[in-house]
C-alpha atoms as a PDB file:
ATOM      1  CA  MET A   1      52.857  12.266  61.072  1.00  0.00           C
ATOM      2  CA  GLN A   2      50.765   9.268  61.870  1.00  0.00           C
ATOM      3  CA  SER A   3      47.782  11.011  60.630  1.00  0.00           C
ATOM      4  CA  LEU A   4      49.525  12.588  57.471  1.00  0.00           C
ATOM      5  CA  ASP A   5      50.387   9.090  56.665  1.00  0.00           C
ATOM      6  CA  LEU A   6      46.855   7.832  57.101  1.00  0.00           C
ATOM      7  CA  ARG A   7      45.356  10.871  55.011  1.00  0.00           C
ATOM      8  CA  ARG A   8      47.726  10.008  51.973  1.00  0.00           C
ATOM      9  CA  SER A   9      46.658   6.285  52.218  1.00  0.00           C
ATOM     10  CA  GLY A  10      42.947   7.023  52.355  1.00  0.00           C
ATOM     11  CA  ALA A  11      43.724   9.439  49.575  1.00  0.00           C
ATOM     12  CA  GLY A  12      45.557   6.865  47.597  1.00  0.00           C
ATOM     13  CA  HIS A  13      42.775   4.334  48.298  1.00  0.00           C
ATOM     14  CA  ALA A  14      40.207   6.529  47.218  1.00  0.00           C
ATOM     15  CA  ILE A  15      42.234   7.271  44.088  1.00  0.00           C
ATOM     16  CA  LEU A  16      42.265   3.842  43.137  1.00  0.00           C
ATOM     17  CA  VAL A  17      38.547   3.099  43.707  1.00  0.00           C
ATOM     18  CA  ARG A  18      38.213   5.811  41.134  1.00  0.00           C
ATOM     19  CA  GLY A  19      40.407   4.400  39.021  1.00  0.00           C
ATOM     20  CA  GLY A  20      38.755   1.010  39.191  1.00  0.00           C
ATOM     21  CA  ARG A  21      35.226   2.359  38.684  1.00  0.00           C
ATOM     22  CA  MET A  22      36.862   4.343  35.826  1.00  0.00           C
ATOM     23  CA  ALA A  23      38.461   1.384  34.080  1.00  0.00           C
ATOM     24  CA  ARG A  24      35.291  -0.425  34.637  1.00  0.00           C
ATOM     25  CA  LEU A  25      33.022   2.033  33.076  1.00  0.00           C
ATOM     26  CA  VAL A  26      35.578   2.387  29.756  1.00  0.00           C
ATOM     27  CA  LEU A  27      35.590  -1.242  29.523  1.00  0.00           C
ATOM     28  CA  SER A  28      31.759  -1.602  29.647  1.00  0.00           C
ATOM     29  CA  ALA A  29      31.213   1.384  27.046  1.00  0.00           C
ATOM     30  CA  ALA A  30      33.896  -0.606  24.882  1.00  0.00           C
ATOM     31  CA  LEU A  31      32.312  -3.686  24.978  1.00  0.00           C
ATOM     32  CA  LEU A  32      28.690  -2.350  24.415  1.00  0.00           C
ATOM     33  CA  ALA A  33      29.460   0.341  21.945  1.00  0.00           C
ATOM     34  CA  PRO A  34      29.009  -2.165  19.059  1.00  0.00           C
ATOM     35  CA  LEU A  35      25.960  -3.656  20.383  1.00  0.00           C
ATOM     36  CA  GLY A  36      24.485  -0.087  20.856  1.00  0.00           C
ATOM     37  CA  ALA A  37      25.516   1.214  17.120  1.00  0.00           C
ATOM     38  CA  CYS A  38      23.430  -2.086  15.645  1.00  0.00           C
ATOM     39  CA  GLY A  39      21.140  -0.925  13.022  1.00  0.00           C
ATOM     40  CA  ILE A  40      22.292   2.478  13.379  1.00  0.00           C
ATOM     41  CA  PRO A  41      23.275   4.085  10.563  1.00  0.00           C
ATOM     42  CA  TYR A  42      26.496   5.725  11.105  1.00  0.00           C
ATOM     43  CA  GLY A  43      26.347   8.876   8.899  1.00  0.00           C
ATOM     44  CA  THR A  44      23.432  10.826   6.764  1.00  0.00           C
ATOM     45  CA  GLY A  45      24.088   8.485   4.100  1.00  0.00           C
ATOM     46  CA  SER A  46      25.407   4.968   5.150  1.00  0.00           C
ATOM     47  CA  ARG A  47      22.953   2.189   5.806  1.00  0.00           C
ATOM     48  CA  VAL A  48      23.972  -1.143   7.377  1.00  0.00           C
ATOM     49  CA  THR A  49      24.913  -3.591   4.774  1.00  0.00           C
ATOM     50  CA  LEU A  50      22.493  -6.961   5.382  1.00  0.00           C
ATOM     51  CA  SER A  51      22.928 -10.170   3.339  1.00  0.00           C
ATOM     52  CA  GLU A  52      20.063 -10.684   0.188  1.00  0.00           C
ATOM     53  CA  ALA A  53      17.267 -12.959   1.312  1.00  0.00           C
ATOM     54  CA  PRO A  54      16.522 -15.990  -1.020  1.00  0.00           C
ATOM     55  CA  PRO A  55      14.221 -14.960  -4.481  1.00  0.00           C
ATOM     56  CA  SER A  56      10.543 -15.150  -4.118  1.00  0.00           C
ATOM     57  CA  ALA A  57       9.578 -18.557  -6.199  1.00  0.00           C
ATOM     58  CA  GLN A  58       6.168 -19.158  -7.120  1.00  0.00           C
ATOM     59  CA  SER A  59       4.550 -22.233  -4.581  1.00  0.00           C
ATOM     60  CA  THR A  60       2.398 -24.754  -6.334  1.00  0.00           C
ATOM     61  CA  PRO A  61       1.413 -28.330  -5.191  1.00  0.00           C
ATOM     62  CA  SER A  62       3.438 -30.945  -5.913  1.00  0.00           C
ATOM     63  CA  GLU A  63       3.801 -32.137  -9.587  1.00  0.00           C
ATOM     64  CA  GLY A  64       1.364 -35.274  -9.721  1.00  0.00           C
ATOM     65  CA  ILE A  65      -1.052 -33.465  -7.977  1.00  0.00           C
ATOM     66  CA  MET A  66      -0.488 -30.937 -10.555  1.00  0.00           C
ATOM     67  CA  GLN A  67      -1.037 -33.253 -13.324  1.00  0.00           C
ATOM     68  CA  ALA A  68      -4.278 -34.777 -11.860  1.00  0.00           C
ATOM     69  CA  LEU A  69      -5.868 -31.341 -11.523  1.00  0.00           C
ATOM     70  CA  THR A  70      -4.934 -30.169 -14.819  1.00  0.00           C
ATOM     71  CA  CYS A  71      -6.357 -33.683 -16.574  1.00  0.00           C
ATOM     72  CA  MET A  72      -9.906 -32.674 -14.626  1.00  0.00           C
ATOM     73  CA  ARG A  73      -9.380 -28.795 -15.860  1.00  0.00           C
ATOM     74  CA  ASP A  74      -8.771 -30.225 -19.741  1.00  0.00           C
ATOM     75  CA  SER A  75     -11.454 -32.290 -19.869  1.00  0.00           C
ATOM     76  CA  HIS A  76     -13.640 -29.392 -19.003  1.00  0.00           C
ATOM     77  CA  THR A  77     -16.425 -31.296 -17.183  1.00  0.00           C
ATOM     78  CA  LEU A  78     -16.523 -29.213 -14.343  1.00  0.00           C
ATOM     79  CA  ASN A  79     -16.397 -25.501 -16.109  1.00  0.00           C
ATOM     80  CA  ARG A  80     -19.965 -24.993 -15.291  1.00  0.00           C
ATOM     81  CA  ILE A  81     -19.845 -26.588 -11.528  1.00  0.00           C
ATOM     82  CA  ARG A  82     -20.130 -24.066  -8.757  1.00  0.00           C
ATOM     83  CA  PHE A  83     -18.103 -24.853  -5.622  1.00  0.00           C
ATOM     84  CA  GLY A  84     -18.590 -23.009  -2.467  1.00  0.00           C
ATOM     85  CA  ILE A  85     -15.325 -23.160  -0.208  1.00  0.00           C
ATOM     86  CA  ALA A  86     -16.185 -23.210   3.578  1.00  0.00           C
ATOM     87  CA  VAL A  87     -14.043 -22.279   6.463  1.00  0.00           C
ATOM     88  CA  HIS A  88     -11.348 -24.576   6.900  1.00  0.00           C
ATOM     89  CA  SER A  89     -11.267 -25.536  10.937  1.00  0.00           C
ATOM     90  CA  ASP A  90      -8.486 -26.451  13.175  1.00  0.00           C
ATOM     91  CA  GLY A  91      -9.923 -29.558  15.212  1.00  0.00           C
ATOM     92  CA  THR A  92      -6.542 -30.907  16.311  1.00  0.00           C
ATOM     93  CA  GLY A  93      -6.580 -28.444  19.867  1.00  0.00           C
ATOM     94  CA  LYS A  94      -3.054 -28.225  19.658  1.00  0.00           C
ATOM     95  CA  SER A  95      -1.178 -25.094  20.199  1.00  0.00           C
ATOM     96  CA  SER A  96       2.163 -23.803  21.114  1.00  0.00           C
ATOM     97  CA  TYR A  97       3.549 -20.655  22.506  1.00  0.00           C
ATOM     98  CA  GLY A  98       6.921 -22.118  23.533  1.00  0.00           C
ATOM     99  CA  TYR A  99       9.176 -21.846  20.995  1.00  0.00           C
ATOM    100  CA  GLU A 100      10.866 -19.019  18.602  1.00  0.00           C
ATOM    101  CA  GLY A 101       8.269 -17.864  16.006  1.00  0.00           C
ATOM    102  CA  ALA A 102       5.741 -19.746  17.450  1.00  0.00           C
ATOM    103  CA  THR A 103       2.109 -17.923  16.545  1.00  0.00           C
ATOM    104  CA  GLY A 104       0.426 -20.371  18.849  1.00  0.00           C
ATOM    105  CA  SER A 105      -0.883 -22.874  16.700  1.00  0.00           C
ATOM    106  CA  PHE A 106       1.498 -25.544  14.909  1.00  0.00           C
ATOM    107  CA  LEU A 107      -1.051 -25.690  11.904  1.00  0.00           C
ATOM    108  CA  PRO A 108      -2.238 -22.890   9.786  1.00  0.00           C
ATOM    109  CA  GLN A 109      -5.708 -21.755  10.587  1.00  0.00           C
ATOM    110  CA  GLY A 110      -8.480 -20.403   8.413  1.00  0.00           C
ATOM    111  CA  THR A 111      -6.599 -19.095   5.773  1.00  0.00           C
ATOM    112  CA  ALA A 112      -5.710 -22.683   4.660  1.00  0.00           C
ATOM    113  CA  ALA A 113      -9.163 -22.541   3.034  1.00  0.00           C
ATOM    114  CA  ILE A 114      -6.940 -20.786   0.036  1.00  0.00           C
ATOM    115  CA  TRP A 115      -5.409 -23.826  -0.651  1.00  0.00           C
ATOM    116  CA  ALA A 116      -8.693 -25.979  -1.335  1.00  0.00           C
ATOM    117  CA  SER A 117      -9.971 -22.994  -3.774  1.00  0.00           C
ATOM    118  CA  GLU A 118      -6.855 -23.193  -5.928  1.00  0.00           C
ATOM    119  CA  ALA A 119      -7.390 -26.731  -6.051  1.00  0.00           C
ATOM    120  CA  VAL A 120     -10.902 -26.137  -7.475  1.00  0.00           C
ATOM    121  CA  ILE A 121      -9.707 -23.604  -9.754  1.00  0.00           C
ATOM    122  CA  ARG A 122      -6.497 -25.827 -10.863  1.00  0.00           C
ATOM    123  CA  ALA A 123      -9.065 -28.743 -11.879  1.00  0.00           C
ATOM    124  CA  GLY A 124     -11.466 -26.233 -14.038  1.00  0.00           C
ATOM    125  CA  GLY A 125     -14.334 -25.489 -11.728  1.00  0.00           C
ATOM    126  CA  LEU A 126     -15.906 -22.407 -10.170  1.00  0.00           C
ATOM    127  CA  SER A 127     -14.778 -21.723  -6.951  1.00  0.00           C
ATOM    128  CA  MET A 128     -16.864 -19.410  -4.675  1.00  0.00           C
ATOM    129  CA  ASN A 129     -15.335 -17.862  -1.311  1.00  0.00           C
ATOM    130  CA  TYR A 130     -17.515 -18.572   2.063  1.00  0.00           C
ATOM    131  CA  TYR A 131     -14.706 -18.375   4.147  1.00  0.00           C
ATOM    132  CA  GLU A 132     -13.712 -14.529   4.142  1.00  0.00           C
ATOM    133  CA  LEU A 133     -17.328 -12.925   4.933  1.00  0.00           C
ATOM    134  CA  ASN A 134     -16.194  -9.983   6.830  1.00  0.00           C
ATOM    135  CA  THR A 135     -15.626  -7.520   3.729  1.00  0.00           C
ATOM    136  CA  GLU A 136     -18.789  -8.546   2.103  1.00  0.00           C
ATOM    137  CA  ARG A 137     -20.636  -7.580   5.099  1.00  0.00           C
ATOM    138  CA  ALA A 138     -18.614  -4.269   5.462  1.00  0.00           C
ATOM    139  CA  LEU A 139     -19.770  -3.580   2.079  1.00  0.00           C
ATOM    140  CA  ARG A 140     -23.405  -4.313   2.791  1.00  0.00           C
ATOM    141  CA  GLN A 141     -23.323  -2.172   6.182  1.00  0.00           C
ATOM    142  CA  PHE A 142     -21.811   1.036   4.648  1.00  0.00           C
ATOM    143  CA  GLY A 143     -23.170   0.189   0.990  1.00  0.00           C
ATOM    144  CA  GLY A 144     -26.733   1.230   2.582  1.00  0.00           C
ATOM    145  CA  SER A 145     -29.811  -0.810   1.388  1.00  0.00           C
ATOM    146  CA  SER A 146     -29.548  -0.252  -2.390  1.00  0.00           C
ATOM    147  CA  LEU A 147     -26.115  -2.247  -2.253  1.00  0.00           C
ATOM    148  CA  ASP A 148     -27.082  -4.967   0.172  1.00  0.00           C
ATOM    149  CA  THR A 149     -30.099  -5.744  -2.171  1.00  0.00           C
ATOM    150  CA  ALA A 150     -27.927  -5.945  -4.835  1.00  0.00           C
ATOM    151  CA  LEU A 151     -25.486  -7.966  -3.083  1.00  0.00           C
ATOM    152  CA  ALA A 152     -28.122 -10.432  -2.192  1.00  0.00           C
ATOM    153  CA  THR A 153     -29.566 -10.999  -5.364  1.00  0.00           C
ATOM    154  CA  GLN A 154     -26.401 -11.827  -6.817  1.00  0.00           C
ATOM    155  CA  GLN A 155     -25.870 -14.408  -4.724  1.00  0.00           C
ATOM    156  CA  GLN A 156     -29.259 -16.007  -4.830  1.00  0.00           C
ATOM    157  CA  THR A 157     -28.837 -16.063  -8.399  1.00  0.00           C
ATOM    158  CA  ARG A 158     -25.760 -18.150  -7.865  1.00  0.00           C
ATOM    159  CA  VAL A 159     -25.987 -20.609  -5.773  1.00  0.00           C
ATOM    160  CA  PRO A 160     -23.358 -23.334  -5.040  1.00  0.00           C
ATOM    161  CA  ASN A 161     -24.225 -26.654  -6.830  1.00  0.00           C
ATOM    162  CA  PHE A 162     -21.523 -28.318  -4.091  1.00  0.00           C
ATOM    163  CA  ILE A 163     -20.317 -27.308  -0.670  1.00  0.00           C
ATOM    164  CA  ILE A 164     -16.491 -28.106   0.011  1.00  0.00           C
ATOM    165  CA  SER A 165     -15.335 -28.471   3.423  1.00  0.00           C
ATOM    166  CA  THR A 166     -11.579 -29.077   4.712  1.00  0.00           C
ATOM    167  CA  ALA A 167      -9.939 -29.495   8.089  1.00  0.00           C
ATOM    168  CA  PHE A 168      -7.178 -30.548  10.311  1.00  0.00           C
ATOM    169  CA  THR A 169      -8.499 -33.650  12.134  1.00  0.00           C
ATOM    170  CA  ALA A 170      -5.637 -34.987  14.099  1.00  0.00           C
ATOM    171  CA  LEU A 171      -1.822 -34.142  14.535  1.00  0.00           C
ATOM    172  CA  ASP A 172       0.382 -36.196  16.721  1.00  0.00           C
ATOM    173  CA  PHE A 173       3.955 -36.121  17.732  1.00  0.00           C
ATOM    174  CA  ILE A 174       5.684 -39.158  17.012  1.00  0.00           C
ATOM    175  CA  GLY A 175       9.300 -40.382  17.746  1.00  0.00           C
ATOM    176  CA  GLY A 176      11.682 -41.950  16.291  1.00  0.00           C
ATOM    177  CA  PRO A 177      15.641 -44.236  16.172  1.00  0.00           C
ATOM    178  CA  SER A 178      17.715 -42.359  18.805  1.00  0.00           C
ATOM    179  CA  MET A 179      21.484 -43.119  18.831  1.00  0.00           C
ATOM    180  CA  ASP A 180      24.545 -41.373  20.701  1.00  0.00           C
ATOM    181  CA  ILE A 181      27.824 -43.859  20.778  1.00  0.00           C
ATOM    182  CA  ARG A 182      31.154 -42.797  22.374  1.00  0.00           C
ATOM    183  CA  ALA A 183      34.486 -44.349  22.313  1.00  0.00           C
ATOM    184  CA  GLY A 184      36.983 -42.910  23.814  1.00  0.00           C
ATOM    185  CA  GLY A 185      34.872 -39.593  24.434  1.00  0.00           C
ATOM    186  CA  ILE A 186      34.009 -39.500  20.513  1.00  0.00           C
ATOM    187  CA  GLY A 187      31.395 -40.844  18.366  1.00  0.00           C
ATOM    188  CA  PRO A 188      28.179 -40.449  16.248  1.00  0.00           C
ATOM    189  CA  TYR A 189      24.459 -39.459  17.518  1.00  0.00           C
ATOM    190  CA  TYR A 190      21.279 -39.571  15.139  1.00  0.00           C
ATOM    191  CA  ASN A 191      18.339 -38.547  16.578  1.00  0.00           C
ATOM    192  CA  VAL A 192      14.421 -38.622  14.625  1.00  0.00           C
ATOM    193  CA  ARG A 193      11.456 -36.794  15.681  1.00  0.00           C
ATOM    194  CA  GLY A 194       8.315 -36.474  13.504  1.00  0.00           C
ATOM    195  CA  ALA A 195       4.658 -35.186  13.579  1.00  0.00           C
ATOM    196  CA  SER A 196       1.472 -37.239  11.967  1.00  0.00           C
ATOM    197  CA  LEU A 197      -0.626 -35.067  10.402  1.00  0.00           C
ATOM    198  CA  GLU A 198      -4.208 -36.001   9.055  1.00  0.00           C
ATOM    199  CA  VAL A 199      -6.689 -33.572   7.097  1.00  0.00           C
ATOM    200  CA  SER A 200     -10.184 -34.771   6.062  1.00  0.00           C
ATOM    201  CA  ALA A 201     -12.482 -33.177   2.836  1.00  0.00           C
ATOM    202  CA  GLU A 202     -16.189 -33.220   2.487  1.00  0.00           C
ATOM    203  CA  MET A 203     -18.075 -32.576  -0.500  1.00  0.00           C
ATOM    204  CA  TYR A 204     -21.739 -32.187   0.305  1.00  0.00           C
ATOM    205  CA  ARG A 205     -24.889 -30.515  -1.458  1.00  0.00           C
ATOM    206  CA  PRO A 206     -26.661 -27.597  -0.381  1.00  0.00           C
ATOM    207  CA  GLY A 207     -30.048 -27.252   0.618  1.00  0.00           C
ATOM    208  CA  ASP A 208     -30.407 -31.051   1.404  1.00  0.00           C
ATOM    209  CA  ARG A 209     -27.075 -31.078   2.853  1.00  0.00           C
ATOM    210  CA  MET A 210     -26.401 -34.837   1.520  1.00  0.00           C
ATOM    211  CA  THR A 211     -22.944 -35.645   1.899  1.00  0.00           C
ATOM    212  CA  MET A 212     -21.740 -36.789  -1.819  1.00  0.00           C
ATOM    213  CA  ALA A 213     -17.699 -37.875  -0.699  1.00  0.00           C
ATOM    214  CA  ILE A 214     -15.261 -37.935   2.115  1.00  0.00           C
ATOM    215  CA  SER A 215     -11.591 -37.973   1.955  1.00  0.00           C
ATOM    216  CA  SER A 216      -9.233 -38.366   4.656  1.00  0.00           C
ATOM    217  CA  LEU A 217      -5.451 -38.324   4.222  1.00  0.00           C
ATOM    218  CA  ASN A 218      -2.510 -38.688   6.651  1.00  0.00           C
ATOM    219  CA  ARG A 219       1.312 -37.301   6.301  1.00  0.00           C
ATOM    220  CA  GLN A 220       3.813 -37.599   8.024  1.00  0.00           C
ATOM    221  CA  VAL A 221       6.710 -34.403   8.772  1.00  0.00           C
ATOM    222  CA  PHE A 222      10.202 -35.416  10.191  1.00  0.00           C
ATOM    223  CA  TYR A 223      12.987 -33.939  12.125  1.00  0.00           C
ATOM    224  CA  ARG A 224      16.542 -35.459  11.652  1.00  0.00           C
ATOM    225  CA  ASP A 225      19.593 -34.612  13.909  1.00  0.00           C
ATOM    226  CA  ALA A 226      22.875 -36.390  12.957  1.00  0.00           C
ATOM    227  CA  GLY A 227      26.754 -35.561  13.485  1.00  0.00           C
ATOM    228  CA  ILE A 228      29.891 -36.122  15.522  1.00  0.00           C
ATOM    229  CA  GLY A 229      30.333 -35.237  19.451  1.00  0.00           C
ATOM    230  CA  GLY A 230      33.126 -35.902  21.599  1.00  0.00           C
ATOM    231  CA  GLY A 231      34.446 -34.426  25.010  1.00  0.00           C
ATOM    232  CA  ARG A 232      38.166 -35.384  25.595  1.00  0.00           C
ATOM    233  CA  LEU A 233      41.352 -34.703  27.094  1.00  0.00           C
ATOM    234  CA  PHE A 234      44.602 -34.150  25.316  1.00  0.00           C
ATOM    235  CA  GLY A 235      47.897 -33.343  26.985  1.00  0.00           C
ATOM    236  CA  LYS A 236      50.345 -34.133  29.341  1.00  0.00           C
ATOM    237  CA  GLY A 237      49.426 -33.898  32.897  1.00  0.00           C
ATOM    238  CA  LYS A 238      45.883 -32.936  33.920  1.00  0.00           C
ATOM    239  CA  GLY A 239      45.590 -32.228  30.173  1.00  0.00           C
ATOM    240  CA  GLU A 240      43.303 -29.985  28.535  1.00  0.00           C
ATOM    241  CA  LEU A 241      39.369 -30.748  28.118  1.00  0.00           C
ATOM    242  CA  VAL A 242      37.948 -30.305  24.723  1.00  0.00           C
ATOM    243  CA  THR A 243      34.588 -30.471  23.710  1.00  0.00           C
ATOM    244  CA  GLY A 244      32.283 -30.199  20.672  1.00  0.00           C
ATOM    245  CA  THR A 245      29.877 -31.056  18.056  1.00  0.00           C
ATOM    246  CA  ILE A 246      30.093 -31.006  14.216  1.00  0.00           C
ATOM    247  CA  GLY A 247      26.120 -31.751  13.275  1.00  0.00           C
ATOM    248  CA  PHE A 248      23.574 -31.220  10.546  1.00  0.00           C
ATOM    249  CA  THR A 249      19.665 -30.912  11.370  1.00  0.00           C
ATOM    250  CA  ASP A 250      17.238 -31.257   8.713  1.00  0.00           C
ATOM    251  CA  GLN A 251      13.885 -29.740   9.404  1.00  0.00           C
ATOM    252  CA  GLN A 252      10.931 -30.886   7.315  1.00  0.00           C
ATOM    253  CA  ARG A 253       8.195 -28.467   7.036  1.00  0.00           C
ATOM    254  CA  LEU A 254       5.132 -28.892   8.917  1.00  0.00           C
ATOM    255  CA  GLN A 255       2.977 -25.814   7.760  1.00  0.00           C
ATOM    256  CA  GLU A 256       3.658 -25.547   4.102  1.00  0.00           C
ATOM    257  CA  ALA A 257       3.553 -29.823   4.289  1.00  0.00           C
ATOM    258  CA  THR A 258      -0.170 -29.145   4.601  1.00  0.00           C
ATOM    259  CA  ARG A 259      -0.959 -27.815   1.086  1.00  0.00           C
ATOM    260  CA  ASP A 260      -0.292 -31.059  -0.498  1.00  0.00           C
ATOM    261  CA  VAL A 261      -2.689 -33.026   1.848  1.00  0.00           C
ATOM    262  CA  ILE A 262      -5.432 -29.990   1.531  1.00  0.00           C
ATOM    263  CA  ALA A 263      -4.726 -30.454  -2.283  1.00  0.00           C
ATOM    264  CA  LEU A 264      -4.875 -34.350  -2.733  1.00  0.00           C
ATOM    265  CA  ALA A 265      -8.069 -34.037  -0.784  1.00  0.00           C
ATOM    266  CA  VAL A 266      -9.766 -31.932  -2.764  1.00  0.00           C
ATOM    267  CA  ALA A 267      -8.721 -33.461  -5.376  1.00  0.00           C
ATOM    268  CA  ASP A 268      -9.987 -37.143  -4.113  1.00  0.00           C
ATOM    269  CA  VAL A 269     -13.542 -35.912  -3.472  1.00  0.00           C
ATOM    270  CA  LEU A 270     -13.676 -34.273  -7.248  1.00  0.00           C
ATOM    271  CA  ALA A 271     -12.944 -37.334  -8.885  1.00  0.00           C
ATOM    272  CA  SER A 272     -15.872 -39.011  -6.825  1.00  0.00           C
ATOM    273  CA  MET A 273     -18.118 -36.754  -8.979  1.00  0.00           C
ATOM    274  CA  PRO A 274     -19.543 -39.397 -12.232  1.00  0.00           C
ATOM    275  CA  VAL A 275     -18.503 -36.606 -14.847  1.00  0.00           C
ATOM    276  CA  VAL A 276     -14.753 -36.864 -13.822  1.00  0.00           C
ATOM    277  CA  PRO A 277     -12.483 -39.057 -16.428  1.00  0.00           C
ATOM    278  CA  ASP A 278     -11.639 -42.548 -15.585  1.00  0.00           C
ATOM    279  CA  ASP A 279      -7.682 -41.424 -16.349  1.00  0.00           C
ATOM    280  CA  CYS A 280      -8.094 -38.576 -14.336  1.00  0.00           C
ATOM    281  CA  ARG A 281      -9.710 -40.411 -11.251  1.00  0.00           C
ATOM    282  CA  GLN A 282      -7.146 -43.074 -11.670  1.00  0.00           C
ATOM    283  CA  MET A 283      -4.418 -40.321 -11.609  1.00  0.00           C
ATOM    284  CA  VAL A 284      -6.061 -39.480  -8.227  1.00  0.00           C
ATOM    285  CA  GLU A 285      -5.759 -43.091  -6.993  1.00  0.00           C
ATOM    286  CA  ASN A 286      -2.292 -43.577  -8.114  1.00  0.00           C
ATOM    287  CA  LEU A 287      -1.390 -40.691  -5.729  1.00  0.00           C
ATOM    288  CA  LYS A 288      -3.211 -42.191  -2.450  1.00  0.00           C
ATOM    289  CA  ALA A 289      -1.383 -45.458  -3.200  1.00  0.00           C
ATOM    290  CA  ALA A 290       1.653 -44.383  -3.497  1.00  0.00           C
ATOM    291  CA  HIS A 291       1.537 -42.121  -0.765  1.00  0.00           C
ATOM    292  CA  LYS A 292       0.032 -44.954   1.524  1.00  0.00           C
ATOM    293  CA  ALA A 293       3.093 -46.709   0.343  1.00  0.00           C
ATOM    294  CA  ARG A 294       5.574 -44.293   1.588  1.00  0.00           C
ATOM    295  CA  VAL A 295       3.854 -43.627   5.064  1.00  0.00           C
ATOM    296  CA  ASN A 296       2.957 -46.962   5.983  1.00  0.00           C
ATOM    297  CA  GLU A 297       5.742 -49.294   3.687  1.00  0.00           C
ATOM    298  CA  ASP A 298       6.724 -50.976   7.405  1.00  0.00           C
ATOM    299  CA  ARG A 299       3.068 -52.396   7.661  1.00  0.00           C
ATOM    300  CA  PRO A 300       1.041 -54.858   5.604  1.00  0.00           C
ATOM    301  CA  GLN A 301      -0.214 -53.320   2.498  1.00  0.00           C
ATOM    302  CA  GLU A 302      -3.916 -52.539   2.418  1.00  0.00           C
ATOM    303  CA  LYS A 303      -6.506 -53.123  -0.687  1.00  0.00           C
ATOM    304  CA  PRO A 304      -6.215 -50.363  -3.551  1.00  0.00           C
ATOM    305  CA  ALA A 305      -7.647 -47.290  -2.325  1.00  0.00           C
ATOM    306  CA  HIS A 306     -10.563 -47.274  -4.793  1.00  0.00           C
ATOM    307  CA  GLY A 307     -11.778 -50.015  -3.338  1.00  0.00           C
ATOM    308  CA  SER A 308     -12.178 -47.971   0.017  1.00  0.00           C
ATOM    309  CA  ARG A 309     -14.962 -45.925  -1.560  1.00  0.00           C
ATOM    310  CA  ALA A 310     -17.636 -46.759  -3.989  1.00  0.00           C
ATOM    311  CA  ARG A 311     -17.507 -44.671  -7.244  1.00  0.00           C
ATOM    312  CA  ARG A 312     -20.148 -42.600  -7.978  1.00  0.00           C
ATOM    313  CA  ASP A 313     -20.537 -43.641 -11.460  1.00  0.00           C
ATOM    314  CA  ASP A 314     -21.759 -47.172  -9.741  1.00  0.00           C
ATOM    315  CA  LEU A 315     -24.406 -45.690  -7.564  1.00  0.00           C
ATOM    316  CA  PRO A 316     -27.121 -45.549 -10.004  1.00  0.00           C
ATOM    317  CA  ALA A 317     -26.760 -49.345 -10.820  1.00  0.00           C
ATOM    318  CA  GLN A 318     -27.661 -49.637  -6.684  1.00  0.00           C
ATOM    319  CA  SER A 319     -30.124 -46.934  -6.283  1.00  0.00           C
ATOM    320  CA  PRO A 320     -33.255 -48.744  -7.695  1.00  0.00           C
ATOM    321  CA  ALA A 321     -32.722 -51.543  -4.842  1.00  0.00           C
ATOM    322  CA  PRO A 322     -36.320 -51.437  -2.919  1.00  0.00           C
ATOM    323  CA  ARG A 323     -36.053 -49.563   0.002  1.00  0.00           C
ATOM    324  CA  ILE A 324     -39.712 -50.063   1.217  1.00  0.00           C
ATOM    325  CA  PRO A 325     -39.799 -51.778   5.161  1.00  0.00           C
ATOM    326  CA  ALA A 326     -42.722 -53.601   4.911  1.00  0.00           C
ATOM    327  CA  GLU A 327     -41.058 -55.823   1.776  1.00  0.00           C
ATOM    328  CA  GLN A 328     -37.592 -55.802   2.883  1.00  0.00           C
ATOM    329  CA  GLY A 329     -39.118 -57.692   6.412  1.00  0.00           C
ATOM    330  CA  PRO A 330     -39.875 -60.984   4.931  1.00  0.00           C
ATOM    331  CA  ALA A 331     -36.702 -61.243   2.763  1.00  0.00           C
ATOM    332  CA  SER A 332     -34.871 -60.850   5.953  1.00  0.00           C
ATOM    333  CA  GLY A 333     -36.998 -63.310   7.439  1.00  0.00           C
ATOM    334  CA  THR A 334     -36.535 -65.802   4.907  1.00  0.00           C
ATOM    335  CA  ILE A 335     -32.791 -65.742   4.820  1.00  0.00           C
ATOM    336  CA  ALA A 336     -32.384 -66.040   8.375  1.00  0.00           C
ATOM    337  CA  ASN A 337     -35.417 -68.990   9.607  1.00  0.00           C
ATOM    338  CA  PRO A 338     -36.596 -70.936   6.467  1.00  0.00           C
ATOM    339  CA  ASP A 339     -39.051 -72.506   8.060  1.00  0.00           C
ATOM    340  CA  LYS A 340     -40.998 -69.587   8.879  1.00  0.00           C
ATOM    341  CA  ALA A 341     -40.377 -68.694   5.491  1.00  0.00           C
ATOM    342  CA  ARG A 342     -42.463 -71.486   3.914  1.00  0.00           C
ATOM    343  CA  ARG A 343     -45.383 -71.407   6.545  1.00  0.00           C
ATOM    344  CA  ASN A 344     -45.518 -67.543   5.071  1.00  0.00           C
ATOM    345  CA  GLN A 345     -45.510 -68.912   1.194  1.00  0.00           C
ATOM    346  CA  ARG A 346     -48.423 -71.319   2.577  1.00  0.00           C
END
């Protein structure tokens, strides 16, 4: 009888064990069923319902930059000038793989040259693509010698008058104010972080590679986080701990923000050309001054932006200055040592 009871108890234990395992399997299957069905049609004619994405919209530089470029286009002064657009380079050396959606680089790479080409076209100039050469290389390689010769002839007969090269020259991550105040476990919080980006554009003349103009612009992009957070005991006795936050984040776009600084830098080097009307040049200078006022509003005001670089229409008046070393030597000595100058005159 004792052995029978042991067998019965053992059998009951086995049944309980099997029942416990079965319950866990059923519960796991019930929990995983909705996840396993995600993205799978329920029938031959049914599809998963998704929310509608925002419609596509045309993307252009900001209104002020567009007006300056349109002013140059309407003047028809750049219509016959060919501008070769070089490969856009990222000289910041900053990369990241540690956040969702990261591609290894914080900034757009060579494709940003398209924005420089667009700025030239909107200004009325002739833009020539020198940043995407793989397709033409493939045409020459597989098209035979005749096609190679024809393409080379076309390229030699339409050489760019100027080359415009753009680059990201600096990317720095900056801090900002941070606040977290709690009274009785409840209070507001506020954090600001940002990035400072510098873009440079250079226009030079092919052949002698003489640099004609350089423009360097800076833009800051910010991330803001604000809200109310709390952690407090409610109820009698030990009470219940209730925690939570209600907040809002404002993440300004870093990559798309580069479009305006590239377009404005290109407009700046184009405005340095003597043929560009003064009113168009002044529009670019006003944009640069307004940009400096926004970025450096807490710094001492600098001189107007047009004083930082000599205008091209002023250069011919300075070019006839003598540059012969034999004549310049006595002139500098006359200023530095009057006695020596009088002896030389004797």
